[in-house]
Amino acid sequence: MWWRSPTGMALTGFVLVAAFNLVKEHGGHALGALLDRILLRCPLIHGTANGDAR
């Protein structure tokens, strides 16, 4: 199991710290951008997926 090796533990710790900092620093505007992208994609997907149903 690779995560029990010293390198795996160091990599896991680094990834956890990086993920925490990413969420802490960019969480607010990243969540807003995600919501905007979802809301903007809905009409686009609906229009292209239901092209035959008009």
C-alpha atoms as a PDB file:
ATOM      1  CA  MET A   1       0.000   0.000   0.000  1.00  0.00           C
ATOM      2  CA  TRP A   2       1.663   3.124  -1.267  1.00  0.00           C
ATOM      3  CA  TRP A   3       0.107   5.526   1.259  1.00  0.00           C
ATOM      4  CA  ARG A   4       1.825   3.778   4.176  1.00  0.00           C
ATOM      5  CA  SER A   5       5.275   4.493   2.806  1.00  0.00           C
ATOM      6  CA  PRO A   6       7.049   7.684   3.920  1.00  0.00           C
ATOM      7  CA  THR A   7       6.706   9.135   0.430  1.00  0.00           C
ATOM      8  CA  GLY A   8       2.993   8.316   0.342  1.00  0.00           C
ATOM      9  CA  MET A   9       2.419   9.917   3.736  1.00  0.00           C
ATOM     10  CA  ALA A  10       4.281  13.053   2.682  1.00  0.00           C
ATOM     11  CA  LEU A  11       2.343  13.227  -0.583  1.00  0.00           C
ATOM     12  CA  THR A  12      -0.971  12.723   1.228  1.00  0.00           C
ATOM     13  CA  GLY A  13      -0.114  15.463   3.718  1.00  0.00           C
ATOM     14  CA  PHE A  14       0.886  17.833   0.924  1.00  0.00           C
ATOM     15  CA  VAL A  15      -2.332  17.170  -0.993  1.00  0.00           C
ATOM     16  CA  LEU A  16      -4.448  17.727   2.130  1.00  0.00           C
ATOM     17  CA  VAL A  17      -2.733  21.021   2.943  1.00  0.00           C
ATOM     18  CA  ALA A  18      -2.989  22.173  -0.669  1.00  0.00           C
ATOM     19  CA  ALA A  19      -6.692  21.254  -0.838  1.00  0.00           C
ATOM     20  CA  PHE A  20      -7.401  23.079   2.439  1.00  0.00           C
ATOM     21  CA  ASN A  21      -5.650  26.223   1.229  1.00  0.00           C
ATOM     22  CA  LEU A  22      -7.378  26.038  -2.142  1.00  0.00           C
ATOM     23  CA  VAL A  23     -10.807  25.828  -0.517  1.00  0.00           C
ATOM     24  CA  LYS A  24      -9.957  28.491   2.055  1.00  0.00           C
ATOM     25  CA  GLU A  25      -8.607  31.022  -0.435  1.00  0.00           C
ATOM     26  CA  HIS A  26     -10.766  30.359  -3.482  1.00  0.00           C
ATOM     27  CA  GLY A  27     -13.883  28.690  -2.110  1.00  0.00           C
ATOM     28  CA  GLY A  28     -16.199  31.676  -2.245  1.00  0.00           C
ATOM     29  CA  HIS A  29     -15.661  32.812  -5.788  1.00  0.00           C
ATOM     30  CA  ALA A  30     -15.083  29.289  -7.120  1.00  0.00           C
ATOM     31  CA  LEU A  31     -18.470  28.186  -5.788  1.00  0.00           C
ATOM     32  CA  GLY A  32     -20.102  31.239  -7.356  1.00  0.00           C
ATOM     33  CA  ALA A  33     -18.439  30.555 -10.689  1.00  0.00           C
ATOM     34  CA  LEU A  34     -19.557  26.923 -10.539  1.00  0.00           C
ATOM     35  CA  LEU A  35     -23.142  27.971  -9.911  1.00  0.00           C
ATOM     36  CA  ASP A  36     -22.986  30.464 -12.795  1.00  0.00           C
ATOM     37  CA  ARG A  37     -21.625  27.803 -15.136  1.00  0.00           C
ATOM     38  CA  ILE A  38     -24.353  25.356 -14.180  1.00  0.00           C
ATOM     39  CA  LEU A  39     -27.062  27.970 -14.697  1.00  0.00           C
ATOM     40  CA  LEU A  40     -25.598  29.060 -18.031  1.00  0.00           C
ATOM     41  CA  ARG A  41     -25.225  25.509 -19.307  1.00  0.00           C
ATOM     42  CA  CYS A  42     -28.820  24.481 -18.590  1.00  0.00           C
ATOM     43  CA  PRO A  43     -30.387  26.449 -21.498  1.00  0.00           C
ATOM     44  CA  LEU A  44     -27.535  25.485 -23.807  1.00  0.00           C
ATOM     45  CA  ILE A  45     -27.855  21.776 -23.089  1.00  0.00           C
ATOM     46  CA  HIS A  46     -31.646  21.942 -23.213  1.00  0.00           C
ATOM     47  CA  GLY A  47     -31.555  23.666 -26.581  1.00  0.00           C
ATOM     48  CA  THR A  48     -29.114  21.241 -28.160  1.00  0.00           C
ATOM     49  CA  ALA A  49     -30.424  18.032 -26.604  1.00  0.00           C
ATOM     50  CA  ASN A  50     -34.040  18.717 -27.522  1.00  0.00           C
ATOM     51  CA  GLY A  51     -33.348  19.919 -31.050  1.00  0.00           C
ATOM     52  CA  ASP A  52     -35.800  17.394 -32.561  1.00  0.00           C
ATOM     53  CA  ALA A  53     -38.653  18.213 -30.156  1.00  0.00           C
ATOM     54  CA  ARG A  54     -39.334  21.743 -31.450  1.00  0.00           C
END
